[in-house]
Amino acid sequence: MKLIRAGIHFYIIGILILSLGISLTIISQLGASPYDALLVGLHRTFGLTIGSWEVVVGLTMVLGNAVVSKAKPEYVALLTSLITGVGIDFWLFVLDGWIILHSWVGQSVSLGLGIVFTGIGIATYLQSSIAPNPLDSSMVVLSDLTGWSFTYSRALISIILVVIAFFFDGAIGIGTLINGLVTGVLIKTFIPYIKLITNTFSKQKKQLAS
């Protein structure tokens, strides 16, 4: 019951939608988000699956956040990385050979759908209080240290990720820029609708319980 009250269903559904969006942006070959571009670069350079690198980079961020903030590692954040990593590998496996993009139009559609699904996925899993995202935790830590807003803190982290991704032959392209500019707007746009669905679901559950 505690997990249901915490929104475990929205958490899992949201991350599955998010991982589908990430996979579509990767498949588009037009550029993934700064974070995902790094995962692809590490995959190309060292092997392992992209989803595996999601967990490795997530753990690195969790440990780094703990060192910088002088606090205990927020290991629960790895749950988000683990589910997202499994989701990415699952969707890439399912879509492999099924989505074959030979034209710029097809790539653009894949990128567009990927960014939209990413926005919907994040807006959905934010309705839960299960576990934070390592990247978001890094943003909070940097904001606390510098006094910057979350927007500037996330922008700096994104720039650092893109630079690192560049040296590892990451999936950097026009999609990386569009991702950075549009995803935040989409999340804000979708959240009210997701909240409406959440409230409707809660009301129906109470009615059934009574």
N, C-alpha and C. Protein backbone atom coordinates (compact mmCIF):
# COMPACT_ATOMS: atom_id res chain seq x y z
N MET A 1 0.82 -1.21 0.00
CA MET A 1 0.00 0.00 0.00
C MET A 1 0.86 1.27 0.00
N LYS A 2 2.00 1.22 0.73
CA LYS A 2 2.86 2.39 0.79
C LYS A 2 3.40 2.73 -0.60
N LEU A 3 3.79 1.68 -1.35
CA LEU A 3 4.32 1.92 -2.69
C LEU A 3 3.25 2.49 -3.62
N ILE A 4 2.02 2.02 -3.45
CA ILE A 4 0.92 2.55 -4.28
C ILE A 4 0.67 4.02 -3.95
N ARG A 5 0.69 4.33 -2.65
CA ARG A 5 0.50 5.73 -2.25
C ARG A 5 1.65 6.60 -2.75
N ALA A 6 2.84 6.00 -2.84
CA ALA A 6 4.00 6.75 -3.34
C ALA A 6 3.98 6.90 -4.85
N GLY A 7 3.07 6.19 -5.50
CA GLY A 7 2.93 6.32 -6.95
C GLY A 7 3.82 5.39 -7.73
N ILE A 8 4.00 4.15 -7.25
CA ILE A 8 4.87 3.20 -7.92
C ILE A 8 4.43 2.94 -9.36
N HIS A 9 3.12 2.96 -9.60
CA HIS A 9 2.59 2.70 -10.95
C HIS A 9 2.98 3.82 -11.91
N PHE A 10 2.88 5.07 -11.44
CA PHE A 10 3.28 6.20 -12.29
C PHE A 10 4.79 6.21 -12.49
N TYR A 11 5.51 5.78 -11.47
CA TYR A 11 6.98 5.72 -11.53
C TYR A 11 7.43 4.76 -12.63
N ILE A 12 6.91 3.54 -12.60
CA ILE A 12 7.33 2.52 -13.57
C ILE A 12 6.84 2.85 -14.97
N ILE A 13 5.57 3.24 -15.10
CA ILE A 13 5.03 3.60 -16.41
C ILE A 13 5.80 4.77 -17.01
N GLY A 14 6.08 5.76 -16.16
CA GLY A 14 6.80 6.95 -16.62
C GLY A 14 8.19 6.61 -17.15
N ILE A 15 8.92 5.77 -16.42
CA ILE A 15 10.27 5.41 -16.85
C ILE A 15 10.24 4.56 -18.11
N LEU A 16 9.25 3.69 -18.25
CA LEU A 16 9.13 2.90 -19.49
C LEU A 16 8.88 3.80 -20.69
N ILE A 17 8.02 4.81 -20.51
CA ILE A 17 7.77 5.76 -21.60
C ILE A 17 9.02 6.58 -21.88
N LEU A 18 9.69 7.00 -20.80
CA LEU A 18 10.94 7.77 -20.93
C LEU A 18 11.98 6.97 -21.70
N SER A 19 12.17 5.70 -21.34
CA SER A 19 13.18 4.88 -22.00
C SER A 19 12.83 4.64 -23.47
N LEU A 20 11.54 4.59 -23.79
CA LEU A 20 11.14 4.49 -25.20
C LEU A 20 11.54 5.76 -25.94
N GLY A 21 11.32 6.90 -25.32
CA GLY A 21 11.71 8.17 -25.93
C GLY A 21 13.21 8.25 -26.15
N ILE A 22 13.98 7.84 -25.15
CA ILE A 22 15.44 7.86 -25.27
C ILE A 22 15.88 6.96 -26.42
N SER A 23 15.28 5.78 -26.51
CA SER A 23 15.65 4.82 -27.56
C SER A 23 15.35 5.38 -28.95
N LEU A 24 14.23 6.05 -29.10
CA LEU A 24 13.87 6.62 -30.40
C LEU A 24 14.82 7.74 -30.80
N THR A 25 15.26 8.54 -29.84
CA THR A 25 16.22 9.62 -30.17
C THR A 25 17.56 9.01 -30.57
N ILE A 26 17.95 7.93 -29.93
CA ILE A 26 19.21 7.26 -30.28
C ILE A 26 19.11 6.66 -31.68
N ILE A 27 17.99 6.00 -31.96
CA ILE A 27 17.77 5.37 -33.27
C ILE A 27 17.74 6.41 -34.39
N SER A 28 17.28 7.61 -34.09
CA SER A 28 17.17 8.66 -35.12
C SER A 28 18.52 9.04 -35.70
N GLN A 29 19.59 8.84 -34.92
CA GLN A 29 20.96 9.18 -35.33
C GLN A 29 21.14 10.68 -35.59
N LEU A 30 20.23 11.48 -35.04
CA LEU A 30 20.34 12.93 -35.19
C LEU A 30 20.85 13.59 -33.92
N GLY A 31 21.10 12.76 -32.90
CA GLY A 31 21.62 13.31 -31.65
C GLY A 31 20.67 13.04 -30.49
N ALA A 32 21.21 12.53 -29.40
CA ALA A 32 20.41 12.27 -28.20
C ALA A 32 20.64 13.39 -27.19
N SER A 33 19.98 13.31 -26.05
CA SER A 33 20.19 14.31 -25.00
C SER A 33 21.65 14.24 -24.54
N PRO A 34 22.17 15.29 -23.90
CA PRO A 34 23.57 15.28 -23.45
C PRO A 34 23.92 14.03 -22.64
N TYR A 35 23.06 13.65 -21.71
CA TYR A 35 23.30 12.48 -20.87
C TYR A 35 23.32 11.20 -21.70
N ASP A 36 22.33 11.04 -22.55
CA ASP A 36 22.23 9.82 -23.37
C ASP A 36 23.30 9.78 -24.45
N ALA A 37 23.73 10.96 -24.92
CA ALA A 37 24.81 11.01 -25.90
C ALA A 37 26.09 10.43 -25.30
N LEU A 38 26.30 10.70 -24.02
CA LEU A 38 27.47 10.15 -23.33
C LEU A 38 27.36 8.64 -23.21
N LEU A 39 26.17 8.15 -22.88
CA LEU A 39 25.97 6.69 -22.76
C LEU A 39 26.29 5.99 -24.07
N VAL A 40 25.83 6.56 -25.18
CA VAL A 40 26.09 5.98 -26.50
C VAL A 40 27.59 6.00 -26.79
N GLY A 41 28.26 7.10 -26.43
CA GLY A 41 29.70 7.21 -26.65
C GLY A 41 30.47 6.16 -25.87
N LEU A 42 30.10 5.95 -24.62
CA LEU A 42 30.77 4.93 -23.80
C LEU A 42 30.52 3.53 -24.36
N HIS A 43 29.31 3.31 -24.88
CA HIS A 43 28.97 2.04 -25.51
C HIS A 43 29.85 1.82 -26.74
N ARG A 44 30.01 2.83 -27.56
CA ARG A 44 30.82 2.71 -28.77
C ARG A 44 32.30 2.51 -28.45
N THR A 45 32.76 3.10 -27.36
CA THR A 45 34.18 3.07 -27.02
C THR A 45 34.59 1.82 -26.25
N PHE A 46 33.78 1.44 -25.28
CA PHE A 46 34.17 0.35 -24.38
C PHE A 46 33.31 -0.90 -24.49
N GLY A 47 32.23 -0.84 -25.25
CA GLY A 47 31.33 -1.98 -25.31
C GLY A 47 30.29 -1.89 -24.20
N LEU A 48 29.75 -3.01 -23.79
CA LEU A 48 28.61 -3.06 -22.86
C LEU A 48 27.40 -2.41 -23.53
N THR A 49 26.24 -2.65 -22.99
CA THR A 49 25.04 -2.07 -23.58
C THR A 49 24.86 -0.64 -23.11
N ILE A 50 24.05 0.11 -23.84
CA ILE A 50 23.77 1.49 -23.45
C ILE A 50 23.08 1.51 -22.09
N GLY A 51 22.19 0.56 -21.88
CA GLY A 51 21.50 0.48 -20.60
C GLY A 51 22.44 0.21 -19.44
N SER A 52 23.47 -0.59 -19.69
CA SER A 52 24.46 -0.87 -18.65
C SER A 52 25.21 0.39 -18.25
N TRP A 53 25.53 1.20 -19.25
CA TRP A 53 26.24 2.45 -18.97
C TRP A 53 25.34 3.44 -18.22
N GLU A 54 24.03 3.32 -18.41
CA GLU A 54 23.09 4.13 -17.64
C GLU A 54 23.30 3.88 -16.15
N VAL A 55 23.47 2.62 -15.78
CA VAL A 55 23.67 2.26 -14.38
C VAL A 55 25.05 2.71 -13.89
N VAL A 56 26.07 2.50 -14.72
CA VAL A 56 27.45 2.85 -14.33
C VAL A 56 27.58 4.36 -14.12
N VAL A 57 27.08 5.13 -15.08
CA VAL A 57 27.16 6.59 -14.97
C VAL A 57 26.29 7.08 -13.81
N GLY A 58 25.14 6.44 -13.62
CA GLY A 58 24.27 6.80 -12.50
C GLY A 58 24.97 6.59 -11.17
N LEU A 59 25.67 5.44 -11.02
CA LEU A 59 26.42 5.16 -9.80
C LEU A 59 27.53 6.18 -9.59
N THR A 60 28.21 6.53 -10.68
CA THR A 60 29.27 7.53 -10.60
C THR A 60 28.73 8.86 -10.09
N MET A 61 27.57 9.25 -10.59
CA MET A 61 26.96 10.51 -10.16
C MET A 61 26.53 10.44 -8.69
N VAL A 62 25.97 9.30 -8.30
CA VAL A 62 25.54 9.13 -6.91
C VAL A 62 26.73 9.27 -5.96
N LEU A 63 27.83 8.62 -6.29
CA LEU A 63 29.04 8.70 -5.46
C LEU A 63 29.64 10.10 -5.49
N GLY A 64 29.64 10.71 -6.69
CA GLY A 64 30.16 12.06 -6.81
C GLY A 64 29.35 13.06 -6.01
N ASN A 65 28.03 12.93 -6.06
CA ASN A 65 27.16 13.81 -5.28
C ASN A 65 27.44 13.68 -3.79
N ALA A 66 27.68 12.43 -3.34
CA ALA A 66 27.94 12.19 -1.92
C ALA A 66 29.24 12.84 -1.48
N VAL A 67 30.28 12.73 -2.33
CA VAL A 67 31.57 13.32 -1.99
C VAL A 67 31.48 14.84 -1.92
N VAL A 68 30.85 15.43 -2.94
CA VAL A 68 30.75 16.89 -3.01
C VAL A 68 29.89 17.45 -1.87
N SER A 69 28.78 16.80 -1.60
CA SER A 69 27.87 17.30 -0.56
C SER A 69 28.22 16.79 0.83
N LYS A 70 29.24 15.92 0.91
CA LYS A 70 29.69 15.34 2.18
C LYS A 70 28.54 14.66 2.92
N ALA A 71 27.82 13.85 2.17
CA ALA A 71 26.68 13.13 2.73
C ALA A 71 26.76 11.66 2.30
N LYS A 72 25.87 10.84 2.85
CA LYS A 72 25.85 9.44 2.48
C LYS A 72 25.35 9.29 1.04
N PRO A 73 25.90 8.35 0.29
CA PRO A 73 25.44 8.13 -1.10
C PRO A 73 23.95 7.83 -1.16
N GLU A 74 23.27 8.43 -2.10
CA GLU A 74 21.82 8.24 -2.26
C GLU A 74 21.59 7.04 -3.19
N TYR A 75 21.87 5.85 -2.64
CA TYR A 75 21.85 4.65 -3.47
C TYR A 75 20.47 4.35 -4.04
N VAL A 76 19.42 4.86 -3.39
CA VAL A 76 18.07 4.60 -3.89
C VAL A 76 17.90 5.19 -5.29
N ALA A 77 18.70 6.21 -5.61
CA ALA A 77 18.63 6.83 -6.94
C ALA A 77 19.04 5.85 -8.03
N LEU A 78 19.82 4.82 -7.65
CA LEU A 78 20.25 3.83 -8.63
C LEU A 78 19.07 3.01 -9.15
N LEU A 79 17.99 2.96 -8.38
CA LEU A 79 16.80 2.24 -8.83
C LEU A 79 16.28 2.84 -10.13
N THR A 80 16.28 4.17 -10.19
CA THR A 80 15.83 4.86 -11.41
C THR A 80 16.77 4.55 -12.57
N SER A 81 18.07 4.58 -12.31
CA SER A 81 19.05 4.27 -13.36
C SER A 81 18.89 2.83 -13.84
N LEU A 82 18.66 1.92 -12.91
CA LEU A 82 18.53 0.50 -13.25
C LEU A 82 17.32 0.25 -14.14
N ILE A 83 16.16 0.77 -13.72
CA ILE A 83 14.94 0.57 -14.50
C ILE A 83 15.05 1.26 -15.86
N THR A 84 15.62 2.46 -15.87
CA THR A 84 15.79 3.18 -17.13
C THR A 84 16.74 2.42 -18.05
N GLY A 85 17.83 1.90 -17.49
CA GLY A 85 18.79 1.14 -18.29
C GLY A 85 18.18 -0.10 -18.89
N VAL A 86 17.42 -0.84 -18.09
CA VAL A 86 16.74 -2.04 -18.59
C VAL A 86 15.73 -1.65 -19.68
N GLY A 87 15.03 -0.54 -19.45
CA GLY A 87 14.05 -0.07 -20.43
C GLY A 87 14.69 0.29 -21.75
N ILE A 88 15.82 0.99 -21.70
CA ILE A 88 16.52 1.39 -22.93
C ILE A 88 16.95 0.16 -23.73
N ASP A 89 17.59 -0.78 -23.03
CA ASP A 89 18.04 -2.00 -23.73
C ASP A 89 16.86 -2.78 -24.29
N PHE A 90 15.76 -2.82 -23.54
CA PHE A 90 14.56 -3.53 -24.00
C PHE A 90 14.01 -2.91 -25.27
N TRP A 91 13.82 -1.59 -25.26
CA TRP A 91 13.25 -0.91 -26.42
C TRP A 91 14.18 -0.97 -27.63
N LEU A 92 15.49 -0.83 -27.41
CA LEU A 92 16.44 -0.91 -28.53
C LEU A 92 16.42 -2.31 -29.14
N PHE A 93 16.25 -3.33 -28.30
CA PHE A 93 16.17 -4.71 -28.79
C PHE A 93 14.88 -4.92 -29.59
N VAL A 94 13.77 -4.41 -29.05
CA VAL A 94 12.46 -4.58 -29.71
C VAL A 94 12.41 -3.83 -31.04
N LEU A 95 12.97 -2.61 -31.04
CA LEU A 95 12.87 -1.76 -32.23
C LEU A 95 13.94 -2.07 -33.27
N ASP A 96 14.98 -2.82 -32.88
CA ASP A 96 16.06 -3.15 -33.81
C ASP A 96 15.53 -3.98 -34.98
N GLY A 97 15.75 -3.51 -36.18
CA GLY A 97 15.29 -4.22 -37.36
C GLY A 97 13.85 -3.91 -37.73
N TRP A 98 13.10 -3.36 -36.77
CA TRP A 98 11.70 -3.01 -37.04
C TRP A 98 11.61 -1.58 -37.54
N ILE A 99 12.41 -0.70 -36.94
CA ILE A 99 12.48 0.68 -37.42
C ILE A 99 13.80 0.87 -38.15
N ILE A 100 13.72 0.99 -39.45
CA ILE A 100 14.91 1.21 -40.27
C ILE A 100 14.73 2.56 -40.98
N LEU A 101 15.60 3.49 -40.64
CA LEU A 101 15.47 4.84 -41.16
C LEU A 101 16.46 5.08 -42.30
N HIS A 102 15.90 5.31 -43.49
CA HIS A 102 16.75 5.55 -44.66
C HIS A 102 16.71 7.01 -45.12
N SER A 103 15.81 7.79 -44.54
CA SER A 103 15.67 9.17 -45.00
C SER A 103 15.71 10.14 -43.83
N TRP A 104 15.97 11.39 -44.16
CA TRP A 104 16.02 12.44 -43.15
C TRP A 104 14.65 12.63 -42.52
N VAL A 105 13.59 12.42 -43.32
CA VAL A 105 12.23 12.57 -42.79
C VAL A 105 11.96 11.54 -41.70
N GLY A 106 12.33 10.28 -41.97
CA GLY A 106 12.14 9.23 -40.99
C GLY A 106 12.94 9.48 -39.72
N GLN A 107 14.16 9.97 -39.89
CA GLN A 107 14.99 10.29 -38.73
C GLN A 107 14.37 11.41 -37.90
N SER A 108 13.83 12.41 -38.59
CA SER A 108 13.21 13.55 -37.91
C SER A 108 11.98 13.12 -37.12
N VAL A 109 11.18 12.23 -37.73
CA VAL A 109 9.98 11.72 -37.05
C VAL A 109 10.39 10.94 -35.80
N SER A 110 11.42 10.09 -35.93
CA SER A 110 11.90 9.31 -34.80
C SER A 110 12.40 10.22 -33.68
N LEU A 111 13.14 11.26 -34.06
CA LEU A 111 13.65 12.21 -33.08
C LEU A 111 12.50 12.94 -32.39
N GLY A 112 11.55 13.42 -33.21
CA GLY A 112 10.42 14.16 -32.65
C GLY A 112 9.60 13.33 -31.68
N LEU A 113 9.28 12.10 -32.09
CA LEU A 113 8.52 11.21 -31.21
C LEU A 113 9.31 10.89 -29.95
N GLY A 114 10.62 10.71 -30.11
CA GLY A 114 11.47 10.41 -28.96
C GLY A 114 11.45 11.53 -27.93
N ILE A 115 11.55 12.76 -28.39
CA ILE A 115 11.55 13.91 -27.48
C ILE A 115 10.19 14.04 -26.80
N VAL A 116 9.11 13.83 -27.54
CA VAL A 116 7.76 13.91 -26.96
C VAL A 116 7.57 12.84 -25.90
N PHE A 117 7.94 11.61 -26.21
CA PHE A 117 7.80 10.52 -25.24
C PHE A 117 8.68 10.76 -24.02
N THR A 118 9.84 11.36 -24.24
CA THR A 118 10.72 11.68 -23.11
C THR A 118 10.03 12.66 -22.17
N GLY A 119 9.41 13.69 -22.75
CA GLY A 119 8.70 14.68 -21.94
C GLY A 119 7.54 14.06 -21.17
N ILE A 120 6.77 13.20 -21.86
CA ILE A 120 5.63 12.54 -21.21
C ILE A 120 6.12 11.61 -20.10
N GLY A 121 7.19 10.87 -20.37
CA GLY A 121 7.72 9.93 -19.40
C GLY A 121 8.19 10.62 -18.13
N ILE A 122 8.95 11.70 -18.28
CA ILE A 122 9.44 12.43 -17.11
C ILE A 122 8.29 13.05 -16.33
N ALA A 123 7.34 13.65 -17.05
CA ALA A 123 6.18 14.26 -16.40
C ALA A 123 5.37 13.22 -15.63
N THR A 124 5.37 11.99 -16.12
CA THR A 124 4.62 10.91 -15.46
C THR A 124 5.33 10.41 -14.21
N TYR A 125 6.64 10.11 -14.33
CA TYR A 125 7.31 9.53 -13.16
C TYR A 125 7.55 10.58 -12.07
N LEU A 126 7.47 11.86 -12.42
CA LEU A 126 7.59 12.91 -11.41
C LEU A 126 6.38 12.95 -10.48
N GLN A 127 5.30 12.27 -10.86
CA GLN A 127 4.11 12.21 -10.01
C GLN A 127 4.31 11.25 -8.84
N SER A 128 5.42 10.53 -8.84
CA SER A 128 5.70 9.58 -7.77
C SER A 128 6.78 10.14 -6.84
N SER A 129 6.98 9.46 -5.73
CA SER A 129 8.03 9.85 -4.79
C SER A 129 8.85 8.62 -4.42
N ILE A 130 9.12 7.78 -5.44
CA ILE A 130 9.82 6.53 -5.21
C ILE A 130 11.33 6.74 -5.06
N ALA A 131 11.95 7.26 -6.10
CA ALA A 131 13.40 7.45 -6.09
C ALA A 131 13.77 8.60 -7.01
N PRO A 132 14.78 9.38 -6.64
CA PRO A 132 15.20 10.50 -7.49
C PRO A 132 16.02 10.02 -8.67
N ASN A 133 16.28 10.91 -9.60
CA ASN A 133 17.14 10.64 -10.74
C ASN A 133 18.54 11.16 -10.40
N PRO A 134 19.60 10.36 -10.62
CA PRO A 134 20.96 10.82 -10.28
C PRO A 134 21.33 12.16 -10.91
N LEU A 135 20.88 12.38 -12.15
CA LEU A 135 21.17 13.64 -12.83
C LEU A 135 20.48 14.80 -12.12
N ASP A 136 19.22 14.60 -11.73
CA ASP A 136 18.50 15.65 -11.01
C ASP A 136 19.14 15.92 -9.65
N SER A 137 19.62 14.87 -9.00
CA SER A 137 20.29 15.03 -7.71
C SER A 137 21.57 15.85 -7.88
N SER A 138 22.30 15.61 -8.97
CA SER A 138 23.51 16.39 -9.26
C SER A 138 23.17 17.85 -9.47
N MET A 139 22.05 18.09 -10.13
CA MET A 139 21.59 19.46 -10.37
C MET A 139 21.31 20.16 -9.04
N VAL A 140 20.67 19.46 -8.11
CA VAL A 140 20.34 20.04 -6.80
C VAL A 140 21.62 20.33 -6.02
N VAL A 141 22.57 19.37 -6.04
CA VAL A 141 23.84 19.55 -5.33
C VAL A 141 24.59 20.76 -5.87
N LEU A 142 24.69 20.88 -7.20
CA LEU A 142 25.39 22.02 -7.81
C LEU A 142 24.69 23.32 -7.47
N SER A 143 23.36 23.31 -7.47
CA SER A 143 22.59 24.52 -7.14
C SER A 143 22.85 24.95 -5.70
N ASP A 144 22.93 23.98 -4.80
CA ASP A 144 23.19 24.29 -3.38
C ASP A 144 24.59 24.85 -3.19
N LEU A 145 25.55 24.33 -3.95
CA LEU A 145 26.94 24.76 -3.80
C LEU A 145 27.18 26.15 -4.38
N THR A 146 26.55 26.44 -5.51
CA THR A 146 26.81 27.69 -6.23
C THR A 146 25.78 28.79 -5.97
N GLY A 147 24.59 28.37 -5.54
CA GLY A 147 23.52 29.35 -5.38
C GLY A 147 22.82 29.66 -6.69
N TRP A 148 23.19 28.93 -7.75
CA TRP A 148 22.55 29.12 -9.04
C TRP A 148 21.15 28.50 -9.05
N SER A 149 20.36 28.91 -10.02
CA SER A 149 19.03 28.31 -10.19
C SER A 149 19.20 26.91 -10.76
N PHE A 150 18.14 26.11 -10.68
CA PHE A 150 18.18 24.76 -11.24
C PHE A 150 18.44 24.81 -12.75
N THR A 151 17.90 25.83 -13.41
CA THR A 151 18.06 25.96 -14.86
C THR A 151 19.52 26.12 -15.24
N TYR A 152 20.24 27.04 -14.55
CA TYR A 152 21.64 27.26 -14.86
C TYR A 152 22.50 26.07 -14.45
N SER A 153 22.16 25.46 -13.33
CA SER A 153 22.91 24.29 -12.86
C SER A 153 22.78 23.14 -13.85
N ARG A 154 21.56 22.90 -14.31
CA ARG A 154 21.34 21.81 -15.28
C ARG A 154 22.04 22.12 -16.60
N ALA A 155 22.03 23.39 -16.99
CA ALA A 155 22.68 23.79 -18.25
C ALA A 155 24.18 23.51 -18.19
N LEU A 156 24.81 23.83 -17.04
CA LEU A 156 26.25 23.59 -16.90
C LEU A 156 26.55 22.10 -16.94
N ILE A 157 25.74 21.30 -16.25
CA ILE A 157 25.94 19.85 -16.26
C ILE A 157 25.78 19.31 -17.69
N SER A 158 24.80 19.83 -18.41
CA SER A 158 24.58 19.39 -19.79
C SER A 158 25.77 19.70 -20.68
N ILE A 159 26.36 20.89 -20.49
CA ILE A 159 27.54 21.28 -21.28
C ILE A 159 28.70 20.34 -20.98
N ILE A 160 28.90 20.03 -19.71
CA ILE A 160 29.99 19.12 -19.31
C ILE A 160 29.78 17.74 -19.92
N LEU A 161 28.53 17.27 -19.90
CA LEU A 161 28.22 15.95 -20.46
C LEU A 161 28.47 15.91 -21.97
N VAL A 162 28.12 16.99 -22.66
CA VAL A 162 28.33 17.05 -24.11
C VAL A 162 29.82 17.03 -24.43
N VAL A 163 30.61 17.78 -23.65
CA VAL A 163 32.06 17.81 -23.87
C VAL A 163 32.66 16.42 -23.69
N ILE A 164 32.26 15.74 -22.60
CA ILE A 164 32.77 14.39 -22.36
C ILE A 164 32.31 13.44 -23.46
N ALA A 165 31.03 13.56 -23.85
CA ALA A 165 30.48 12.71 -24.90
C ALA A 165 31.24 12.90 -26.22
N PHE A 166 31.65 14.12 -26.49
CA PHE A 166 32.40 14.43 -27.71
C PHE A 166 33.69 13.60 -27.80
N PHE A 167 34.40 13.50 -26.69
CA PHE A 167 35.67 12.77 -26.68
C PHE A 167 35.47 11.25 -26.73
N PHE A 168 34.24 10.79 -26.47
CA PHE A 168 33.96 9.35 -26.55
C PHE A 168 33.10 9.00 -27.76
N ASP A 169 33.09 9.91 -28.75
CA ASP A 169 32.31 9.66 -29.98
C ASP A 169 30.83 9.47 -29.64
N GLY A 170 30.30 10.34 -28.80
CA GLY A 170 28.91 10.24 -28.38
C GLY A 170 27.93 10.64 -29.46
N ALA A 171 26.66 10.37 -29.20
CA ALA A 171 25.60 10.66 -30.18
C ALA A 171 25.19 12.13 -30.10
N ILE A 172 26.09 12.99 -30.58
CA ILE A 172 25.86 14.43 -30.54
C ILE A 172 25.40 14.91 -31.92
N GLY A 173 24.38 15.74 -31.96
CA GLY A 173 23.87 16.26 -33.21
C GLY A 173 22.83 17.33 -32.96
N ILE A 174 22.10 17.68 -33.99
CA ILE A 174 21.06 18.70 -33.85
C ILE A 174 20.02 18.28 -32.82
N GLY A 175 19.82 16.96 -32.71
CA GLY A 175 18.86 16.45 -31.73
C GLY A 175 19.27 16.76 -30.30
N THR A 176 20.58 16.84 -30.06
CA THR A 176 21.09 17.16 -28.72
C THR A 176 20.66 18.57 -28.33
N LEU A 177 20.79 19.49 -29.27
CA LEU A 177 20.40 20.88 -29.02
C LEU A 177 18.89 20.99 -28.85
N ILE A 178 18.14 20.36 -29.74
CA ILE A 178 16.67 20.41 -29.66
C ILE A 178 16.19 19.80 -28.35
N ASN A 179 16.82 18.70 -27.96
CA ASN A 179 16.48 18.04 -26.70
C ASN A 179 16.62 19.00 -25.53
N GLY A 180 17.75 19.69 -25.50
CA GLY A 180 18.01 20.61 -24.41
C GLY A 180 17.05 21.79 -24.37
N LEU A 181 16.61 22.24 -25.54
CA LEU A 181 15.75 23.42 -25.61
C LEU A 181 14.27 23.08 -25.40
N VAL A 182 13.86 21.90 -25.83
CA VAL A 182 12.43 21.57 -25.88
C VAL A 182 11.93 20.72 -24.73
N THR A 183 12.77 19.80 -24.24
CA THR A 183 12.31 18.83 -23.24
C THR A 183 11.71 19.48 -22.00
N GLY A 184 12.39 20.50 -21.48
CA GLY A 184 11.88 21.20 -20.29
C GLY A 184 10.51 21.81 -20.52
N VAL A 185 10.32 22.38 -21.70
CA VAL A 185 9.03 22.99 -22.05
C VAL A 185 7.94 21.93 -22.13
N LEU A 186 8.29 20.79 -22.73
CA LEU A 186 7.32 19.70 -22.88
C LEU A 186 6.91 19.14 -21.51
N ILE A 187 7.87 19.02 -20.62
CA ILE A 187 7.57 18.50 -19.28
C ILE A 187 6.55 19.41 -18.59
N LYS A 188 6.80 20.73 -18.64
CA LYS A 188 5.88 21.68 -18.03
C LYS A 188 4.50 21.63 -18.69
N THR A 189 4.48 21.37 -19.99
CA THR A 189 3.21 21.29 -20.72
C THR A 189 2.42 20.05 -20.34
N PHE A 190 3.11 18.93 -20.19
CA PHE A 190 2.43 17.66 -19.93
C PHE A 190 2.03 17.46 -18.47
N ILE A 191 2.75 18.07 -17.54
CA ILE A 191 2.49 17.84 -16.12
C ILE A 191 1.04 18.10 -15.71
N PRO A 192 0.40 19.21 -16.14
CA PRO A 192 -1.00 19.42 -15.75
C PRO A 192 -1.93 18.31 -16.22
N TYR A 193 -1.69 17.79 -17.41
CA TYR A 193 -2.54 16.71 -17.93
C TYR A 193 -2.29 15.40 -17.17
N ILE A 194 -1.02 15.14 -16.84
CA ILE A 194 -0.70 13.94 -16.07
C ILE A 194 -1.31 14.04 -14.68
N LYS A 195 -1.26 15.24 -14.09
CA LYS A 195 -1.86 15.44 -12.77
C LYS A 195 -3.37 15.22 -12.82
N LEU A 196 -3.99 15.64 -13.91
CA LEU A 196 -5.43 15.43 -14.08
C LEU A 196 -5.75 13.94 -14.10
N ILE A 197 -4.92 13.18 -14.82
CA ILE A 197 -5.10 11.73 -14.86
C ILE A 197 -4.86 11.13 -13.48
N THR A 198 -3.84 11.64 -12.79
CA THR A 198 -3.52 11.15 -11.44
C THR A 198 -4.68 11.38 -10.49
N ASN A 199 -5.24 12.59 -10.52
CA ASN A 199 -6.36 12.92 -9.64
C ASN A 199 -7.59 12.08 -9.96
N THR A 200 -7.84 11.87 -11.25
CA THR A 200 -8.99 11.05 -11.66
C THR A 200 -8.83 9.62 -11.17
N PHE A 201 -7.60 9.11 -11.31
CA PHE A 201 -7.30 7.75 -10.86
C PHE A 201 -7.51 7.62 -9.34
N SER A 202 -7.06 8.64 -8.60
CA SER A 202 -7.18 8.61 -7.14
C SER A 202 -8.65 8.66 -6.71
N LYS A 203 -9.45 9.47 -7.41
CA LYS A 203 -10.88 9.57 -7.08
C LYS A 203 -11.59 8.24 -7.33
N GLN A 204 -11.27 7.61 -8.46
CA GLN A 204 -11.90 6.33 -8.79
C GLN A 204 -11.51 5.26 -7.77
N LYS A 205 -10.26 5.31 -7.32
CA LYS A 205 -9.79 4.34 -6.34
C LYS A 205 -10.51 4.51 -5.00
N LYS A 206 -10.75 5.78 -4.62
CA LYS A 206 -11.46 6.05 -3.37
C LYS A 206 -12.91 5.61 -3.46
N GLN A 207 -13.50 5.83 -4.64
CA GLN A 207 -14.90 5.42 -4.82
C GLN A 207 -15.05 3.91 -4.73
N LEU A 208 -14.09 3.19 -5.31
CA LEU A 208 -14.13 1.73 -5.26
C LEU A 208 -13.91 1.23 -3.83
N ALA A 209 -13.05 1.95 -3.09
CA ALA A 209 -12.75 1.56 -1.73
C ALA A 209 -13.95 1.77 -0.80
N SER A 210 -14.73 2.82 -1.11
CA SER A 210 -15.91 3.11 -0.30
C SER A 210 -17.12 2.28 -0.75
